């Protein structure tokens, strides 16, 4: 990824990491491990490469359309928050 200034704080200090990315669309989810990102060392803003996000989206729809298979399935607990204020 190209080094640029943070759009949030203006810092030019970044660190490359791999994180978990949760793609969600219409109540369906794809959890992607080892997603490459750059993180601003000053404020923590996370930057994704556009090509990486497009590939995740492509994979999500390929799995939904049964063109590809995920590595495995996991169960995720769900909770609905109701405000009683």
C-alpha atoms as a PDB file:
ATOM      1  CA  UNK A   1       0.000   0.000   0.000  1.00  0.00           C
ATOM      2  CA  UNK A   2       1.112   3.512  -0.773  1.00  0.00           C
ATOM      3  CA  UNK A   3       2.165   5.658   2.203  1.00  0.00           C
ATOM      4  CA  UNK A   4       0.007   8.773   2.516  1.00  0.00           C
ATOM      5  CA  UNK A   5      -1.155  11.133   5.219  1.00  0.00           C
ATOM      6  CA  UNK A   6      -4.003  10.062   7.484  1.00  0.00           C
ATOM      7  CA  UNK A   7      -7.262  11.650   6.382  1.00  0.00           C
ATOM      8  CA  UNK A   8      -8.358  11.933  10.009  1.00  0.00           C
ATOM      9  CA  UNK A   9      -5.333  13.315  11.899  1.00  0.00           C
ATOM     10  CA  UNK A  10      -2.773  14.153   9.181  1.00  0.00           C
ATOM     11  CA  UNK A  11      -0.063  11.802  10.496  1.00  0.00           C
ATOM     12  CA  UNK A  12       2.230  10.014   8.049  1.00  0.00           C
ATOM     13  CA  UNK A  13       3.138   7.237  10.504  1.00  0.00           C
ATOM     14  CA  UNK A  14       1.579   3.899   9.542  1.00  0.00           C
ATOM     15  CA  UNK A  15       2.048   0.251  10.371  1.00  0.00           C
ATOM     16  CA  UNK A  16       1.066  -2.649   8.138  1.00  0.00           C
ATOM     17  CA  UNK A  17      -0.925  -5.355   9.922  1.00  0.00           C
ATOM     18  CA  UNK A  18      -3.304  -8.210   9.218  1.00  0.00           C
ATOM     19  CA  UNK A  19      -6.675  -8.153  10.943  1.00  0.00           C
ATOM     20  CA  UNK A  20     -10.064  -9.863  10.832  1.00  0.00           C
ATOM     21  CA  UNK A  21     -12.552  -8.126   8.513  1.00  0.00           C
ATOM     22  CA  UNK A  22     -16.301  -8.695   8.774  1.00  0.00           C
ATOM     23  CA  UNK A  23     -18.139  -8.138   5.492  1.00  0.00           C
ATOM     24  CA  UNK A  24     -21.913  -7.757   5.945  1.00  0.00           C
ATOM     25  CA  UNK A  25     -24.660  -7.514   3.366  1.00  0.00           C
ATOM     26  CA  UNK A  26     -28.410  -7.862   3.980  1.00  0.00           C
ATOM     27  CA  UNK A  27     -27.998  -9.857   7.192  1.00  0.00           C
ATOM     28  CA  UNK A  28     -25.368 -12.237   5.829  1.00  0.00           C
ATOM     29  CA  UNK A  29     -21.732 -12.098   6.863  1.00  0.00           C
ATOM     30  CA  UNK A  30     -18.278 -13.203   5.769  1.00  0.00           C
ATOM     31  CA  UNK A  31     -15.422 -13.117   8.282  1.00  0.00           C
ATOM     32  CA  UNK A  32     -12.070 -12.757   6.512  1.00  0.00           C
ATOM     33  CA  UNK A  33      -8.938 -13.552   8.504  1.00  0.00           C
ATOM     34  CA  UNK A  34      -5.506 -12.038   7.772  1.00  0.00           C
ATOM     35  CA  UNK A  35      -6.868  -9.028   5.868  1.00  0.00           C
ATOM     36  CA  UNK A  36      -3.961  -6.635   5.104  1.00  0.00           C
ATOM     37  CA  UNK A  37      -4.430  -3.073   6.366  1.00  0.00           C
ATOM     38  CA  UNK A  38      -2.453   0.031   7.209  1.00  0.00           C
ATOM     39  CA  UNK A  39      -3.147   1.551  10.623  1.00  0.00           C
ATOM     40  CA  UNK A  40      -2.303   5.132  11.556  1.00  0.00           C
ATOM     41  CA  UNK A  41       0.027   4.978  14.549  1.00  0.00           C
ATOM     42  CA  UNK A  42      -1.208   8.354  15.770  1.00  0.00           C
ATOM     43  CA  UNK A  43      -5.005   7.944  15.850  1.00  0.00           C
ATOM     44  CA  UNK A  44      -5.658   4.274  14.967  1.00  0.00           C
ATOM     45  CA  UNK A  45      -7.559   4.925  11.726  1.00  0.00           C
ATOM     46  CA  UNK A  46      -7.611   1.761   9.591  1.00  0.00           C
ATOM     47  CA  UNK A  47      -7.019   1.896   5.821  1.00  0.00           C
ATOM     48  CA  UNK A  48      -7.884  -0.935   3.417  1.00  0.00           C
ATOM     49  CA  UNK A  49      -6.598  -1.281  -0.131  1.00  0.00           C
ATOM     50  CA  UNK A  50      -9.489  -0.991  -2.598  1.00  0.00           C
ATOM     51  CA  UNK A  51      -8.440  -4.141  -4.468  1.00  0.00           C
ATOM     52  CA  UNK A  52      -8.559  -6.133  -1.209  1.00  0.00           C
ATOM     53  CA  UNK A  53     -12.096  -4.918  -0.451  1.00  0.00           C
ATOM     54  CA  UNK A  54     -13.267  -5.692  -4.004  1.00  0.00           C
ATOM     55  CA  UNK A  55     -11.852  -9.222  -3.722  1.00  0.00           C
ATOM     56  CA  UNK A  56     -13.629  -9.759  -0.385  1.00  0.00           C
ATOM     57  CA  UNK A  57     -16.900  -8.550  -1.933  1.00  0.00           C
ATOM     58  CA  UNK A  58     -16.394 -10.819  -4.960  1.00  0.00           C
ATOM     59  CA  UNK A  59     -15.729 -13.790  -2.713  1.00  0.00           C
ATOM     60  CA  UNK A  60     -18.787 -13.032  -0.550  1.00  0.00           C
ATOM     61  CA  UNK A  61     -21.123 -13.091  -3.555  1.00  0.00           C
ATOM     62  CA  UNK A  62     -19.416 -16.166  -5.037  1.00  0.00           C
ATOM     63  CA  UNK A  63     -20.049 -18.001  -1.751  1.00  0.00           C
ATOM     64  CA  UNK A  64     -23.652 -16.758  -1.581  1.00  0.00           C
ATOM     65  CA  UNK A  65     -24.231 -17.954  -5.164  1.00  0.00           C
ATOM     66  CA  UNK A  66     -22.541 -21.302  -4.396  1.00  0.00           C
ATOM     67  CA  UNK A  67     -19.798 -20.708  -6.974  1.00  0.00           C
ATOM     68  CA  UNK A  68     -17.120 -20.956  -4.277  1.00  0.00           C
ATOM     69  CA  UNK A  69     -17.036 -22.540  -0.831  1.00  0.00           C
ATOM     70  CA  UNK A  70     -15.802 -20.876   2.352  1.00  0.00           C
ATOM     71  CA  UNK A  71     -12.925 -22.444   4.269  1.00  0.00           C
ATOM     72  CA  UNK A  72     -15.354 -23.187   7.108  1.00  0.00           C
ATOM     73  CA  UNK A  73     -18.464 -21.948   8.875  1.00  0.00           C
ATOM     74  CA  UNK A  74     -18.647 -20.486  12.370  1.00  0.00           C
ATOM     75  CA  UNK A  75     -21.629 -19.791  14.592  1.00  0.00           C
ATOM     76  CA  UNK A  76     -22.001 -16.214  15.733  1.00  0.00           C
ATOM     77  CA  UNK A  77     -24.114 -15.230  18.700  1.00  0.00           C
ATOM     78  CA  UNK A  78     -26.700 -12.570  17.948  1.00  0.00           C
ATOM     79  CA  UNK A  79     -28.207  -9.945  20.193  1.00  0.00           C
ATOM     80  CA  UNK A  80     -30.839  -7.308  19.563  1.00  0.00           C
ATOM     81  CA  UNK A  81     -30.437  -4.099  21.495  1.00  0.00           C
ATOM     82  CA  UNK A  82     -33.679  -2.422  22.539  1.00  0.00           C
ATOM     83  CA  UNK A  83     -33.436   1.042  24.019  1.00  0.00           C
ATOM     84  CA  UNK A  84     -35.784   1.596  26.952  1.00  0.00           C
ATOM     85  CA  UNK A  85     -35.103   5.301  27.496  1.00  0.00           C
END
